[in-house]
Structures are given as structure tokens and as C-alpha cells.
């Protein structure tokens, strides 16, 4: 019998004045109550009740112990009620970690409306490309590109990650538009260097049949920052292959145009995911944030299976594009 159960039986005995009364309250028998009180007294090395054949009288030590025990159990009950309220109500501090580009372009613009809807939630937003341990760093939810294989975590896909080959209208006016695979080598390309590996991100481009293949192209300019890459492209420094969320501001403003149909790498290794610790009772603050961002993405034409890039009219189309298959070549 655990200590908490002993304390409950002890208080029931104090309140009822007998083992029989305590047994009725605790749904057991008087013999079990008597043994429980004896066990508690043995642990404490104190006499809590004076026993006689007809009466049960609590001792001075027993009264003091009962007052303290009752307060402890009341505090424990209040604590449990408060924790249940915090878990079931959208309130408290919500710690969000987001990949830099996605955080700046997709997450940050949503926070004002989210905060207005859930004023009891206080936001702590970290924007970086570090793959931090969600549990060790006490992160409630991480928004990352790429799948995370960790049995302690739930990875809920928000959308695929589609790539678009983009250029500025001014660049195309000066340099021309590549129409065929042979033209790719005759243009200036902006490369992206992955910070963790220092490797250049591969460039996948369509062949004459619309199938996407990796291309070895000289990068005239290189950066390790996604937003800078998009700005360099919009400034006319060259052509870049951008994730859809990074290309969206430039496409919306007209500073960028999309040359070819979107490229979608193989799943599930590629996409945008909401990552959070696996638990039986998901806190309401996490649940409502996921629901909010999912609804916001839906209004933008994005879902776990689709993005708006699928419907974007490319500047240059290739034969048989609607039925093309993605080349599953590892980067």
C-alpha cells in the first residue's frame, strides 16, 4: 500500500472516529484499516491513536500529523486541478522554435491574430536553423523543414516542400529565358550552402520530357541564408531554386517569376512539419496553435498533401508535364 493511500485512510479514521467508519469511506474492511494505521505508525515511530476495546482516541502527535497531512493533500488536490486547467485551457507560455525562413515569412505574420484569439497564451518565439532537441530545450512545438526521426516526438506534416526555379523579370530581359536543358549552363545561378554540412544544395531541373534530374551547375553566387538567396534572385543576380514559402513574397509582388513547373522531392523525408513531444494529453495551447496554423495554411492553398505551387502557371512549360514522374534521385 502506497503512502498516499495510507494518509487517506489515516484522515478517514480521524474524521470517522473508528476503523469501521474509515473502512466504509475508503471502500475496504476494518481489518485493512487497522493494519494500515499500524503500518503508518511503524513508519513514523509514533503512536497516532490510543486504542481500547470500545474507543479510538487520537493522540496529540496524531492531531498534529492530521492537520499537516490534510493541508498537504488539499494543496496536492489544488495543484492537480490547476495543472488540469492549464493543460485543458489555451493559456500559459507557448515556446515555439521555427526554421529561419519559414519563421520569418509564414509564422511571424500569423502571431498577432493568434494572440488576439488566445490572449491568455504568452508567446516565446525562437527563430533559427539549429536542430535543437525539442525535449531537452523545453520547446512546446517546433516548425521545421525535413522529417525528424525521434520516437519521443510527433511529426505532423503541415505541407510538402515544393521548389520553384525563379528569376527576376529584369534578369530574364537581359539574359534571356532558358528554354531547354542545354540552356541551363549558359546562365548565372545562385547557390545555397547548407550550414550543417557546408555542402551546396543540389539543383533539380526538368529535362525535355518534364522529368526532374539533378544538374551539376556552376554557382556564380553562393549564400547560406535563404531569404538572402531570394533577395539576390529578385535583385537580378541570377536564377535560384527556392522553396515555395521562400519564393512566395517575390512571386506575389512580381519581383520574381517561376520558370518551370514545381519540383517536389520524395516524401516523407521532405516537407514542413510541426514537431512536438509525444504525450497522452496534448496541452491545449499546443493543440490550438496547430489548429490555427493549419487553418491559415489552408486559406493560402496549402495542406499536408498540397501547396499553391501546384497550380502556379510556369513561364516555360515542358511536353508531357501533367503526367511526369519525379526522378527519385538522392541529393
C-alpha atoms as a PDB file:
ATOM      1  CA  UNK A   1       0.000   0.000   0.000  1.00  0.00           C
ATOM      2  CA  UNK A   2       1.478   3.341  -1.031  1.00  0.00           C
ATOM      3  CA  UNK A   3       1.985   6.280   1.306  1.00  0.00           C
ATOM      4  CA  UNK A   4      -0.798   8.363  -0.227  1.00  0.00           C
ATOM      5  CA  UNK A   5      -3.324   5.592   0.385  1.00  0.00           C
ATOM      6  CA  UNK A   6      -2.122   5.287   3.998  1.00  0.00           C
ATOM      7  CA  UNK A   7      -2.646   9.015   4.515  1.00  0.00           C
ATOM      8  CA  UNK A   8      -6.150   8.875   3.056  1.00  0.00           C
ATOM      9  CA  UNK A   9      -7.056   6.012   5.405  1.00  0.00           C
ATOM     10  CA  UNK A  10      -5.492   7.887   8.326  1.00  0.00           C
ATOM     11  CA  UNK A  11      -7.589  11.011   7.716  1.00  0.00           C
ATOM     12  CA  UNK A  12     -10.737   8.946   7.223  1.00  0.00           C
ATOM     13  CA  UNK A  13     -10.064   7.314  10.595  1.00  0.00           C
ATOM     14  CA  UNK A  14      -9.582  10.725  12.232  1.00  0.00           C
ATOM     15  CA  UNK A  15     -12.832  12.022  10.749  1.00  0.00           C
ATOM     16  CA  UNK A  16     -14.884   8.880  11.381  1.00  0.00           C
ATOM     17  CA  UNK A  17     -13.562   8.093  14.862  1.00  0.00           C
ATOM     18  CA  UNK A  18     -13.342   4.339  14.210  1.00  0.00           C
ATOM     19  CA  UNK A  19     -11.824   1.759  11.921  1.00  0.00           C
ATOM     20  CA  UNK A  20     -15.289   0.685  10.802  1.00  0.00           C
ATOM     21  CA  UNK A  21     -16.266   4.225   9.734  1.00  0.00           C
ATOM     22  CA  UNK A  22     -12.977   4.670   7.888  1.00  0.00           C
ATOM     23  CA  UNK A  23     -13.418   1.312   6.141  1.00  0.00           C
ATOM     24  CA  UNK A  24     -16.819   2.403   4.831  1.00  0.00           C
ATOM     25  CA  UNK A  25     -15.439   5.687   3.437  1.00  0.00           C
ATOM     26  CA  UNK A  26     -12.387   4.012   1.906  1.00  0.00           C
ATOM     27  CA  UNK A  27     -14.343   1.072   0.486  1.00  0.00           C
ATOM     28  CA  UNK A  28     -12.426  -1.580   2.406  1.00  0.00           C
ATOM     29  CA  UNK A  29     -12.752  -3.543   5.662  1.00  0.00           C
ATOM     30  CA  UNK A  30     -11.899  -2.579   9.288  1.00  0.00           C
ATOM     31  CA  UNK A  31      -9.052  -5.108   9.427  1.00  0.00           C
ATOM     32  CA  UNK A  32      -7.332  -3.478   6.458  1.00  0.00           C
ATOM     33  CA  UNK A  33      -7.760  -0.044   8.052  1.00  0.00           C
ATOM     34  CA  UNK A  34      -6.275  -1.266  11.337  1.00  0.00           C
ATOM     35  CA  UNK A  35      -3.269  -2.760   9.571  1.00  0.00           C
ATOM     36  CA  UNK A  36      -2.788   0.444   7.536  1.00  0.00           C
ATOM     37  CA  UNK A  37      -2.745   2.607  10.672  1.00  0.00           C
ATOM     38  CA  UNK A  38      -0.276   0.234  12.337  1.00  0.00           C
ATOM     39  CA  UNK A  39       1.979   0.374   9.280  1.00  0.00           C
ATOM     40  CA  UNK A  40       1.892   4.184   9.261  1.00  0.00           C
ATOM     41  CA  UNK A  41       2.722   4.301  12.975  1.00  0.00           C
ATOM     42  CA  UNK A  42       5.636   1.913  12.405  1.00  0.00           C
ATOM     43  CA  UNK A  43       6.991   4.137   9.629  1.00  0.00           C
ATOM     44  CA  UNK A  44       6.697   7.259  11.787  1.00  0.00           C
ATOM     45  CA  UNK A  45       7.766   5.567  15.031  1.00  0.00           C
ATOM     46  CA  UNK A  46       4.815   7.369  16.640  1.00  0.00           C
ATOM     47  CA  UNK A  47       1.500   6.398  18.208  1.00  0.00           C
ATOM     48  CA  UNK A  48      -1.280   8.127  16.300  1.00  0.00           C
ATOM     49  CA  UNK A  49      -4.278   6.550  18.106  1.00  0.00           C
ATOM     50  CA  UNK A  50      -4.851   5.199  21.599  1.00  0.00           C
ATOM     51  CA  UNK A  51      -6.886   2.007  21.203  1.00  0.00           C
ATOM     52  CA  UNK A  52      -9.226   0.291  23.616  1.00  0.00           C
ATOM     53  CA  UNK A  53     -11.909  -2.324  23.141  1.00  0.00           C
ATOM     54  CA  UNK A  54     -14.589   0.350  22.922  1.00  0.00           C
ATOM     55  CA  UNK A  55     -12.872   3.587  21.877  1.00  0.00           C
ATOM     56  CA  UNK A  56     -10.303   5.016  19.462  1.00  0.00           C
ATOM     57  CA  UNK A  57      -8.728   8.266  20.626  1.00  0.00           C
ATOM     58  CA  UNK A  58      -6.292  10.321  18.549  1.00  0.00           C
ATOM     59  CA  UNK A  59      -3.067  11.365  20.272  1.00  0.00           C
ATOM     60  CA  UNK A  60      -1.514  14.829  20.346  1.00  0.00           C
ATOM     61  CA  UNK A  61       1.044  13.680  17.770  1.00  0.00           C
ATOM     62  CA  UNK A  62      -1.804  12.256  15.700  1.00  0.00           C
ATOM     63  CA  UNK A  63      -3.687  15.581  15.732  1.00  0.00           C
ATOM     64  CA  UNK A  64      -0.602  17.493  14.598  1.00  0.00           C
ATOM     65  CA  UNK A  65       0.112  14.930  11.891  1.00  0.00           C
ATOM     66  CA  UNK A  66      -3.529  15.026  10.737  1.00  0.00           C
ATOM     67  CA  UNK A  67      -3.517  18.832  10.394  1.00  0.00           C
ATOM     68  CA  UNK A  68      -0.322  18.741   8.346  1.00  0.00           C
ATOM     69  CA  UNK A  69      -1.491  15.787   6.224  1.00  0.00           C
ATOM     70  CA  UNK A  70      -4.839  17.410   5.500  1.00  0.00           C
ATOM     71  CA  UNK A  71      -3.135  20.605   4.287  1.00  0.00           C
ATOM     72  CA  UNK A  72      -0.710  18.638   2.110  1.00  0.00           C
ATOM     73  CA  UNK A  73      -3.500  16.663   0.443  1.00  0.00           C
ATOM     74  CA  UNK A  74      -5.554  19.822  -0.108  1.00  0.00           C
ATOM     75  CA  UNK A  75      -2.521  21.519  -1.696  1.00  0.00           C
ATOM     76  CA  UNK A  76      -1.924  18.451  -3.861  1.00  0.00           C
ATOM     77  CA  UNK A  77      -5.553  18.441  -4.993  1.00  0.00           C
ATOM     78  CA  UNK A  78      -5.399  22.169  -5.800  1.00  0.00           C
ATOM     79  CA  UNK A  79      -2.180  21.647  -7.725  1.00  0.00           C
ATOM     80  CA  UNK A  80      -3.749  18.821  -9.747  1.00  0.00           C
ATOM     81  CA  UNK A  81      -6.811  20.950 -10.513  1.00  0.00           C
ATOM     82  CA  UNK A  82      -4.618  23.831 -11.650  1.00  0.00           C
ATOM     83  CA  UNK A  83      -2.474  21.587 -13.850  1.00  0.00           C
ATOM     84  CA  UNK A  84      -5.561  20.074 -15.453  1.00  0.00           C
ATOM     85  CA  UNK A  85      -6.870  23.585 -16.107  1.00  0.00           C
ATOM     86  CA  UNK A  86      -3.557  24.652 -17.656  1.00  0.00           C
ATOM     87  CA  UNK A  87      -3.478  21.551 -19.832  1.00  0.00           C
ATOM     88  CA  UNK A  88      -7.126  21.798 -20.882  1.00  0.00           C
ATOM     89  CA  UNK A  89      -7.251  25.579 -21.395  1.00  0.00           C
ATOM     90  CA  UNK A  90      -5.288  27.571 -24.002  1.00  0.00           C
ATOM     91  CA  UNK A  91      -3.129  29.546 -21.597  1.00  0.00           C
ATOM     92  CA  UNK A  92       0.412  29.827 -20.285  1.00  0.00           C
ATOM     93  CA  UNK A  93       3.724  30.203 -22.107  1.00  0.00           C
ATOM     94  CA  UNK A  94       3.950  28.632 -25.577  1.00  0.00           C
ATOM     95  CA  UNK A  95       7.550  28.095 -26.653  1.00  0.00           C
ATOM     96  CA  UNK A  96       7.862  27.905 -30.452  1.00  0.00           C
ATOM     97  CA  UNK A  97      11.021  27.154 -32.406  1.00  0.00           C
ATOM     98  CA  UNK A  98      10.853  27.802 -36.158  1.00  0.00           C
ATOM     99  CA  UNK A  99      13.259  27.443 -39.051  1.00  0.00           C
ATOM    100  CA  UNK A 100      14.540  30.892 -40.021  1.00  0.00           C
ATOM    101  CA  UNK A 101      12.921  31.430 -43.416  1.00  0.00           C
ATOM    102  CA  UNK A 102       9.669  29.689 -42.533  1.00  0.00           C
ATOM    103  CA  UNK A 103       9.508  31.513 -39.218  1.00  0.00           C
ATOM    104  CA  UNK A 104      10.027  34.958 -40.753  1.00  0.00           C
ATOM    105  CA  UNK A 105       7.767  34.515 -43.768  1.00  0.00           C
ATOM    106  CA  UNK A 106       4.976  32.205 -42.565  1.00  0.00           C
ATOM    107  CA  UNK A 107       4.877  32.085 -38.755  1.00  0.00           C
ATOM    108  CA  UNK A 108       5.614  35.641 -37.621  1.00  0.00           C
ATOM    109  CA  UNK A 109       2.814  37.250 -39.715  1.00  0.00           C
ATOM    110  CA  UNK A 110       0.252  34.965 -38.007  1.00  0.00           C
ATOM    111  CA  UNK A 111       1.179  35.703 -34.406  1.00  0.00           C
ATOM    112  CA  UNK A 112      -0.841  38.909 -33.966  1.00  0.00           C
ATOM    113  CA  UNK A 113      -4.105  37.246 -34.983  1.00  0.00           C
ATOM    114  CA  UNK A 114      -3.274  34.188 -32.885  1.00  0.00           C
ATOM    115  CA  UNK A 115      -2.529  36.329 -29.843  1.00  0.00           C
ATOM    116  CA  UNK A 116      -5.795  38.220 -30.260  1.00  0.00           C
ATOM    117  CA  UNK A 117      -7.751  34.966 -30.378  1.00  0.00           C
ATOM    118  CA  UNK A 118      -5.903  33.435 -27.405  1.00  0.00           C
ATOM    119  CA  UNK A 119      -4.877  36.334 -25.149  1.00  0.00           C
ATOM    120  CA  UNK A 120      -4.067  34.009 -22.230  1.00  0.00           C
ATOM    121  CA  UNK A 121      -1.186  32.455 -24.198  1.00  0.00           C
ATOM    122  CA  UNK A 122       2.205  34.145 -23.910  1.00  0.00           C
ATOM    123  CA  UNK A 123       4.472  33.528 -26.889  1.00  0.00           C
ATOM    124  CA  UNK A 124       8.186  32.764 -26.819  1.00  0.00           C
ATOM    125  CA  UNK A 125       9.411  32.504 -30.412  1.00  0.00           C
ATOM    126  CA  UNK A 126      12.880  31.280 -31.361  1.00  0.00           C
ATOM    127  CA  UNK A 127      13.919  31.745 -34.999  1.00  0.00           C
ATOM    128  CA  UNK A 128      16.970  29.772 -36.091  1.00  0.00           C
ATOM    129  CA  UNK A 129      18.121  26.885 -38.242  1.00  0.00           C
ATOM    130  CA  UNK A 130      19.603  24.924 -35.347  1.00  0.00           C
ATOM    131  CA  UNK A 131      18.195  21.432 -34.933  1.00  0.00           C
ATOM    132  CA  UNK A 132      17.631  21.747 -31.200  1.00  0.00           C
ATOM    133  CA  UNK A 133      16.459  18.846 -29.064  1.00  0.00           C
ATOM    134  CA  UNK A 134      12.790  19.679 -28.506  1.00  0.00           C
ATOM    135  CA  UNK A 135      12.522  17.892 -25.161  1.00  0.00           C
ATOM    136  CA  UNK A 136      15.878  18.902 -23.665  1.00  0.00           C
ATOM    137  CA  UNK A 137      15.272  22.558 -24.591  1.00  0.00           C
ATOM    138  CA  UNK A 138      11.694  22.614 -23.248  1.00  0.00           C
ATOM    139  CA  UNK A 139      10.228  23.527 -26.654  1.00  0.00           C
ATOM    140  CA  UNK A 140       6.450  23.103 -26.945  1.00  0.00           C
ATOM    141  CA  UNK A 141       6.376  22.983 -30.749  1.00  0.00           C
ATOM    142  CA  UNK A 142       8.997  23.223 -33.486  1.00  0.00           C
ATOM    143  CA  UNK A 143       8.230  24.122 -37.088  1.00  0.00           C
ATOM    144  CA  UNK A 144      10.892  22.539 -39.229  1.00  0.00           C
ATOM    145  CA  UNK A 145      11.571  21.602 -42.823  1.00  0.00           C
ATOM    146  CA  UNK A 146      12.562  17.968 -43.152  1.00  0.00           C
ATOM    147  CA  UNK A 147      11.368  14.910 -41.251  1.00  0.00           C
ATOM    148  CA  UNK A 148      12.700  14.209 -37.748  1.00  0.00           C
ATOM    149  CA  UNK A 149      13.134  10.554 -36.777  1.00  0.00           C
ATOM    150  CA  UNK A 150      12.768  10.518 -32.995  1.00  0.00           C
ATOM    151  CA  UNK A 151      10.420   8.093 -31.254  1.00  0.00           C
ATOM    152  CA  UNK A 152       9.870  10.636 -28.471  1.00  0.00           C
ATOM    153  CA  UNK A 153       8.358  13.149 -30.902  1.00  0.00           C
ATOM    154  CA  UNK A 154       5.289  13.568 -33.073  1.00  0.00           C
ATOM    155  CA  UNK A 155       5.988  14.983 -36.557  1.00  0.00           C
ATOM    156  CA  UNK A 156       2.763  16.279 -38.094  1.00  0.00           C
ATOM    157  CA  UNK A 157       3.134  17.340 -41.712  1.00  0.00           C
ATOM    158  CA  UNK A 158       1.786  20.799 -42.499  1.00  0.00           C
ATOM    159  CA  UNK A 159       2.640  20.787 -46.199  1.00  0.00           C
ATOM    160  CA  UNK A 160       5.022  19.339 -48.765  1.00  0.00           C
ATOM    161  CA  UNK A 161       8.037  21.480 -49.650  1.00  0.00           C
ATOM    162  CA  UNK A 162       7.873  22.388 -53.334  1.00  0.00           C
ATOM    163  CA  UNK A 163      10.782  24.006 -55.139  1.00  0.00           C
ATOM    164  CA  UNK A 164      10.465  26.631 -57.859  1.00  0.00           C
ATOM    165  CA  UNK A 165      13.108  27.831 -60.291  1.00  0.00           C
ATOM    166  CA  UNK A 166      12.835  31.611 -60.085  1.00  0.00           C
ATOM    167  CA  UNK A 167      14.370  34.662 -61.687  1.00  0.00           C
ATOM    168  CA  UNK A 168      13.638  38.365 -61.768  1.00  0.00           C
ATOM    169  CA  UNK A 169      11.924  39.842 -64.843  1.00  0.00           C
ATOM    170  CA  UNK A 170      14.927  42.152 -65.280  1.00  0.00           C
ATOM    171  CA  UNK A 171      17.376  39.227 -65.321  1.00  0.00           C
ATOM    172  CA  UNK A 172      15.324  37.412 -67.973  1.00  0.00           C
ATOM    173  CA  UNK A 173      15.064  40.591 -70.027  1.00  0.00           C
ATOM    174  CA  UNK A 174      18.845  40.947 -70.063  1.00  0.00           C
ATOM    175  CA  UNK A 175      19.977  37.298 -70.100  1.00  0.00           C
ATOM    176  CA  UNK A 176      17.045  35.598 -71.812  1.00  0.00           C
ATOM    177  CA  UNK A 177      14.907  32.690 -70.627  1.00  0.00           C
ATOM    178  CA  UNK A 178      16.345  29.150 -70.678  1.00  0.00           C
ATOM    179  CA  UNK A 179      14.040  27.072 -72.885  1.00  0.00           C
ATOM    180  CA  UNK A 180      15.855  23.717 -72.919  1.00  0.00           C
ATOM    181  CA  UNK A 181      18.120  21.682 -70.685  1.00  0.00           C
ATOM    182  CA  UNK A 182      21.135  22.753 -72.739  1.00  0.00           C
ATOM    183  CA  UNK A 183      20.431  26.389 -71.855  1.00  0.00           C
ATOM    184  CA  UNK A 184      20.864  25.870 -68.096  1.00  0.00           C
ATOM    185  CA  UNK A 185      24.658  26.057 -68.241  1.00  0.00           C
ATOM    186  CA  UNK A 186      24.573  29.403 -70.003  1.00  0.00           C
ATOM    187  CA  UNK A 187      23.014  31.273 -67.083  1.00  0.00           C
ATOM    188  CA  UNK A 188      24.110  32.675 -63.741  1.00  0.00           C
ATOM    189  CA  UNK A 189      22.962  30.547 -60.792  1.00  0.00           C
ATOM    190  CA  UNK A 190      22.668  31.409 -57.122  1.00  0.00           C
ATOM    191  CA  UNK A 191      23.580  28.501 -54.850  1.00  0.00           C
ATOM    192  CA  UNK A 192      22.560  27.695 -51.293  1.00  0.00           C
ATOM    193  CA  UNK A 193      25.166  26.303 -48.887  1.00  0.00           C
ATOM    194  CA  UNK A 194      23.777  24.090 -46.102  1.00  0.00           C
ATOM    195  CA  UNK A 195      25.304  25.309 -42.831  1.00  0.00           C
ATOM    196  CA  UNK A 196      25.440  21.933 -41.096  1.00  0.00           C
ATOM    197  CA  UNK A 197      27.318  20.157 -43.900  1.00  0.00           C
ATOM    198  CA  UNK A 198      28.791  23.075 -45.878  1.00  0.00           C
ATOM    199  CA  UNK A 199      27.520  21.269 -48.990  1.00  0.00           C
ATOM    200  CA  UNK A 200      25.770  23.066 -51.827  1.00  0.00           C
ATOM    201  CA  UNK A 201      22.088  22.226 -52.106  1.00  0.00           C
ATOM    202  CA  UNK A 202      21.506  20.225 -55.308  1.00  0.00           C
ATOM    203  CA  UNK A 203      19.615  21.823 -58.176  1.00  0.00           C
ATOM    204  CA  UNK A 204      16.907  19.687 -59.805  1.00  0.00           C
ATOM    205  CA  UNK A 205      15.745  20.802 -63.245  1.00  0.00           C
ATOM    206  CA  UNK A 206      13.376  19.354 -65.839  1.00  0.00           C
ATOM    207  CA  UNK A 207      14.599  17.603 -68.971  1.00  0.00           C
ATOM    208  CA  UNK A 208      12.781  17.776 -72.300  1.00  0.00           C
ATOM    209  CA  UNK A 209      10.203  15.271 -71.033  1.00  0.00           C
ATOM    210  CA  UNK A 210       9.458  17.131 -67.817  1.00  0.00           C
ATOM    211  CA  UNK A 211      11.271  14.668 -65.519  1.00  0.00           C
ATOM    212  CA  UNK A 212      13.359  16.389 -62.864  1.00  0.00           C
ATOM    213  CA  UNK A 213      17.030  15.408 -62.645  1.00  0.00           C
ATOM    214  CA  UNK A 214      19.955  16.756 -60.598  1.00  0.00           C
ATOM    215  CA  UNK A 215      22.163  19.117 -62.601  1.00  0.00           C
ATOM    216  CA  UNK A 216      25.783  19.982 -61.992  1.00  0.00           C
ATOM    217  CA  UNK A 217      25.800  23.732 -62.480  1.00  0.00           C
ATOM    218  CA  UNK A 218      28.342  26.366 -61.617  1.00  0.00           C
ATOM    219  CA  UNK A 219      27.016  28.719 -58.955  1.00  0.00           C
ATOM    220  CA  UNK A 220      28.135  32.242 -59.728  1.00  0.00           C
ATOM    221  CA  UNK A 221      26.997  33.391 -56.270  1.00  0.00           C
ATOM    222  CA  UNK A 222      26.504  31.411 -53.033  1.00  0.00           C
ATOM    223  CA  UNK A 223      24.810  32.170 -49.697  1.00  0.00           C
ATOM    224  CA  UNK A 224      23.883  30.201 -46.595  1.00  0.00           C
ATOM    225  CA  UNK A 225      20.788  32.305 -45.862  1.00  0.00           C
ATOM    226  CA  UNK A 226      17.506  31.506 -47.606  1.00  0.00           C
ATOM    227  CA  UNK A 227      15.999  34.981 -47.511  1.00  0.00           C
ATOM    228  CA  UNK A 228      19.226  36.491 -48.828  1.00  0.00           C
ATOM    229  CA  UNK A 229      19.124  33.968 -51.668  1.00  0.00           C
ATOM    230  CA  UNK A 230      15.600  35.092 -52.599  1.00  0.00           C
ATOM    231  CA  UNK A 231      16.605  38.780 -52.431  1.00  0.00           C
ATOM    232  CA  UNK A 232      19.691  38.163 -54.587  1.00  0.00           C
ATOM    233  CA  UNK A 233      17.457  36.447 -57.119  1.00  0.00           C
ATOM    234  CA  UNK A 234      14.956  39.340 -57.078  1.00  0.00           C
ATOM    235  CA  UNK A 235      17.846  41.789 -57.474  1.00  0.00           C
ATOM    236  CA  UNK A 236      18.769  40.131 -60.760  1.00  0.00           C
ATOM    237  CA  UNK A 237      21.997  38.385 -59.728  1.00  0.00           C
ATOM    238  CA  UNK A 238      20.889  35.085 -61.217  1.00  0.00           C
ATOM    239  CA  UNK A 239      18.458  32.166 -61.206  1.00  0.00           C
ATOM    240  CA  UNK A 240      17.693  30.298 -57.966  1.00  0.00           C
ATOM    241  CA  UNK A 241      15.735  27.223 -56.979  1.00  0.00           C
ATOM    242  CA  UNK A 242      13.689  28.308 -53.965  1.00  0.00           C
ATOM    243  CA  UNK A 243      11.331  26.509 -51.559  1.00  0.00           C
ATOM    244  CA  UNK A 244       7.754  27.617 -52.226  1.00  0.00           C
ATOM    245  CA  UNK A 245       7.437  29.572 -48.963  1.00  0.00           C
ATOM    246  CA  UNK A 246      10.650  31.459 -49.737  1.00  0.00           C
ATOM    247  CA  UNK A 247       9.568  32.257 -53.293  1.00  0.00           C
ATOM    248  CA  UNK A 248       6.046  33.393 -52.346  1.00  0.00           C
ATOM    249  CA  UNK A 249       6.729  37.060 -51.378  1.00  0.00           C
ATOM    250  CA  UNK A 250       8.653  37.727 -54.588  1.00  0.00           C
ATOM    251  CA  UNK A 251       6.091  35.964 -56.750  1.00  0.00           C
ATOM    252  CA  UNK A 252       3.238  37.881 -55.089  1.00  0.00           C
ATOM    253  CA  UNK A 253       4.976  41.226 -55.607  1.00  0.00           C
ATOM    254  CA  UNK A 254       6.083  40.494 -59.158  1.00  0.00           C
ATOM    255  CA  UNK A 255       9.774  40.735 -58.244  1.00  0.00           C
ATOM    256  CA  UNK A 256      10.149  37.055 -59.207  1.00  0.00           C
ATOM    257  CA  UNK A 257       8.682  34.783 -61.839  1.00  0.00           C
ATOM    258  CA  UNK A 258       8.591  30.985 -61.791  1.00  0.00           C
ATOM    259  CA  UNK A 259      10.188  29.481 -64.884  1.00  0.00           C
ATOM    260  CA  UNK A 260       9.106  25.832 -64.712  1.00  0.00           C
ATOM    261  CA  UNK A 261       6.525  23.594 -63.008  1.00  0.00           C
ATOM    262  CA  UNK A 262       7.283  22.916 -59.337  1.00  0.00           C
ATOM    263  CA  UNK A 263       9.649  20.155 -58.207  1.00  0.00           C
ATOM    264  CA  UNK A 264       8.655  18.079 -55.183  1.00  0.00           C
ATOM    265  CA  UNK A 265      11.337  15.875 -53.608  1.00  0.00           C
ATOM    266  CA  UNK A 266      10.367  12.379 -52.430  1.00  0.00           C
ATOM    267  CA  UNK A 267       8.334  12.083 -49.231  1.00  0.00           C
ATOM    268  CA  UNK A 268       8.386  11.670 -46.283  1.00  0.00           C
ATOM    269  CA  UNK A 269      11.916  12.983 -45.959  1.00  0.00           C
ATOM    270  CA  UNK A 270      10.887  16.357 -47.306  1.00  0.00           C
ATOM    271  CA  UNK A 271       8.166  18.705 -46.140  1.00  0.00           C
ATOM    272  CA  UNK A 272       7.195  21.208 -43.462  1.00  0.00           C
ATOM    273  CA  UNK A 273       6.383  19.630 -40.098  1.00  0.00           C
ATOM    274  CA  UNK A 274       5.008  20.648 -36.722  1.00  0.00           C
ATOM    275  CA  UNK A 275       7.085  18.689 -34.204  1.00  0.00           C
ATOM    276  CA  UNK A 276       6.175  18.283 -30.551  1.00  0.00           C
ATOM    277  CA  UNK A 277       6.781  15.809 -27.705  1.00  0.00           C
ATOM    278  CA  UNK A 278       4.709  12.657 -27.760  1.00  0.00           C
ATOM    279  CA  UNK A 279       2.238  12.608 -24.853  1.00  0.00           C
ATOM    280  CA  UNK A 280      -1.157  11.174 -23.984  1.00  0.00           C
ATOM    281  CA  UNK A 281      -2.660  14.546 -23.100  1.00  0.00           C
ATOM    282  CA  UNK A 282      -1.631  17.265 -25.545  1.00  0.00           C
ATOM    283  CA  UNK A 283      -1.726  20.722 -23.896  1.00  0.00           C
ATOM    284  CA  UNK A 284      -4.489  22.935 -25.240  1.00  0.00           C
ATOM    285  CA  UNK A 285      -2.008  25.722 -26.049  1.00  0.00           C
ATOM    286  CA  UNK A 286      -0.180  23.390 -28.456  1.00  0.00           C
ATOM    287  CA  UNK A 287      -3.384  21.973 -29.923  1.00  0.00           C
ATOM    288  CA  UNK A 288      -4.923  25.382 -30.701  1.00  0.00           C
ATOM    289  CA  UNK A 289      -1.683  26.647 -32.263  1.00  0.00           C
ATOM    290  CA  UNK A 290      -1.535  23.663 -34.613  1.00  0.00           C
ATOM    291  CA  UNK A 291      -5.209  24.138 -35.495  1.00  0.00           C
ATOM    292  CA  UNK A 292      -4.620  27.864 -36.089  1.00  0.00           C
ATOM    293  CA  UNK A 293      -1.609  27.484 -38.359  1.00  0.00           C
ATOM    294  CA  UNK A 294      -3.271  24.596 -40.235  1.00  0.00           C
ATOM    295  CA  UNK A 295      -6.306  26.801 -40.955  1.00  0.00           C
ATOM    296  CA  UNK A 296      -4.043  29.681 -42.012  1.00  0.00           C
ATOM    297  CA  UNK A 297      -2.144  27.436 -44.419  1.00  0.00           C
ATOM    298  CA  UNK A 298      -5.417  26.102 -45.810  1.00  0.00           C
ATOM    299  CA  UNK A 299      -6.504  29.651 -46.626  1.00  0.00           C
ATOM    300  CA  UNK A 300      -3.219  30.027 -48.563  1.00  0.00           C
ATOM    301  CA  UNK A 301      -3.863  26.853 -50.559  1.00  0.00           C
ATOM    302  CA  UNK A 302      -1.605  24.572 -48.525  1.00  0.00           C
ATOM    303  CA  UNK A 303      -2.350  21.255 -46.807  1.00  0.00           C
ATOM    304  CA  UNK A 304      -0.370  18.158 -45.779  1.00  0.00           C
ATOM    305  CA  UNK A 305      -0.572  16.908 -49.386  1.00  0.00           C
ATOM    306  CA  UNK A 306      -0.651  20.099 -51.471  1.00  0.00           C
ATOM    307  CA  UNK A 307       0.737  23.602 -51.906  1.00  0.00           C
ATOM    308  CA  UNK A 308      -0.325  26.523 -54.067  1.00  0.00           C
ATOM    309  CA  UNK A 309       2.784  25.917 -56.192  1.00  0.00           C
ATOM    310  CA  UNK A 310       0.989  23.033 -57.906  1.00  0.00           C
ATOM    311  CA  UNK A 311      -1.374  25.495 -59.584  1.00  0.00           C
ATOM    312  CA  UNK A 312       1.197  28.152 -60.440  1.00  0.00           C
ATOM    313  CA  UNK A 313       1.413  28.803 -64.183  1.00  0.00           C
ATOM    314  CA  UNK A 314       5.086  28.457 -65.184  1.00  0.00           C
ATOM    315  CA  UNK A 315       6.765  30.802 -67.628  1.00  0.00           C
ATOM    316  CA  UNK A 316       8.160  27.834 -69.583  1.00  0.00           C
ATOM    317  CA  UNK A 317       6.322  24.509 -69.785  1.00  0.00           C
ATOM    318  CA  UNK A 318       7.664  21.195 -70.980  1.00  0.00           C
ATOM    319  CA  UNK A 319       5.974  18.435 -73.009  1.00  0.00           C
ATOM    320  CA  UNK A 320       4.039  15.841 -71.007  1.00  0.00           C
ATOM    321  CA  UNK A 321       4.415  17.847 -67.791  1.00  0.00           C
ATOM    322  CA  UNK A 322       0.999  16.807 -66.331  1.00  0.00           C
ATOM    323  CA  UNK A 323       1.952  13.128 -66.374  1.00  0.00           C
ATOM    324  CA  UNK A 324       5.589  13.491 -65.462  1.00  0.00           C
ATOM    325  CA  UNK A 325       7.116  11.415 -62.688  1.00  0.00           C
ATOM    326  CA  UNK A 326       9.600  12.775 -60.213  1.00  0.00           C
ATOM    327  CA  UNK A 327      13.058  11.314 -60.505  1.00  0.00           C
ATOM    328  CA  UNK A 328      13.791   9.811 -57.079  1.00  0.00           C
ATOM    329  CA  UNK A 329      17.461  10.585 -57.068  1.00  0.00           C
ATOM    330  CA  UNK A 330      19.047  11.243 -53.712  1.00  0.00           C
ATOM    331  CA  UNK A 331      20.618  14.691 -53.399  1.00  0.00           C
END
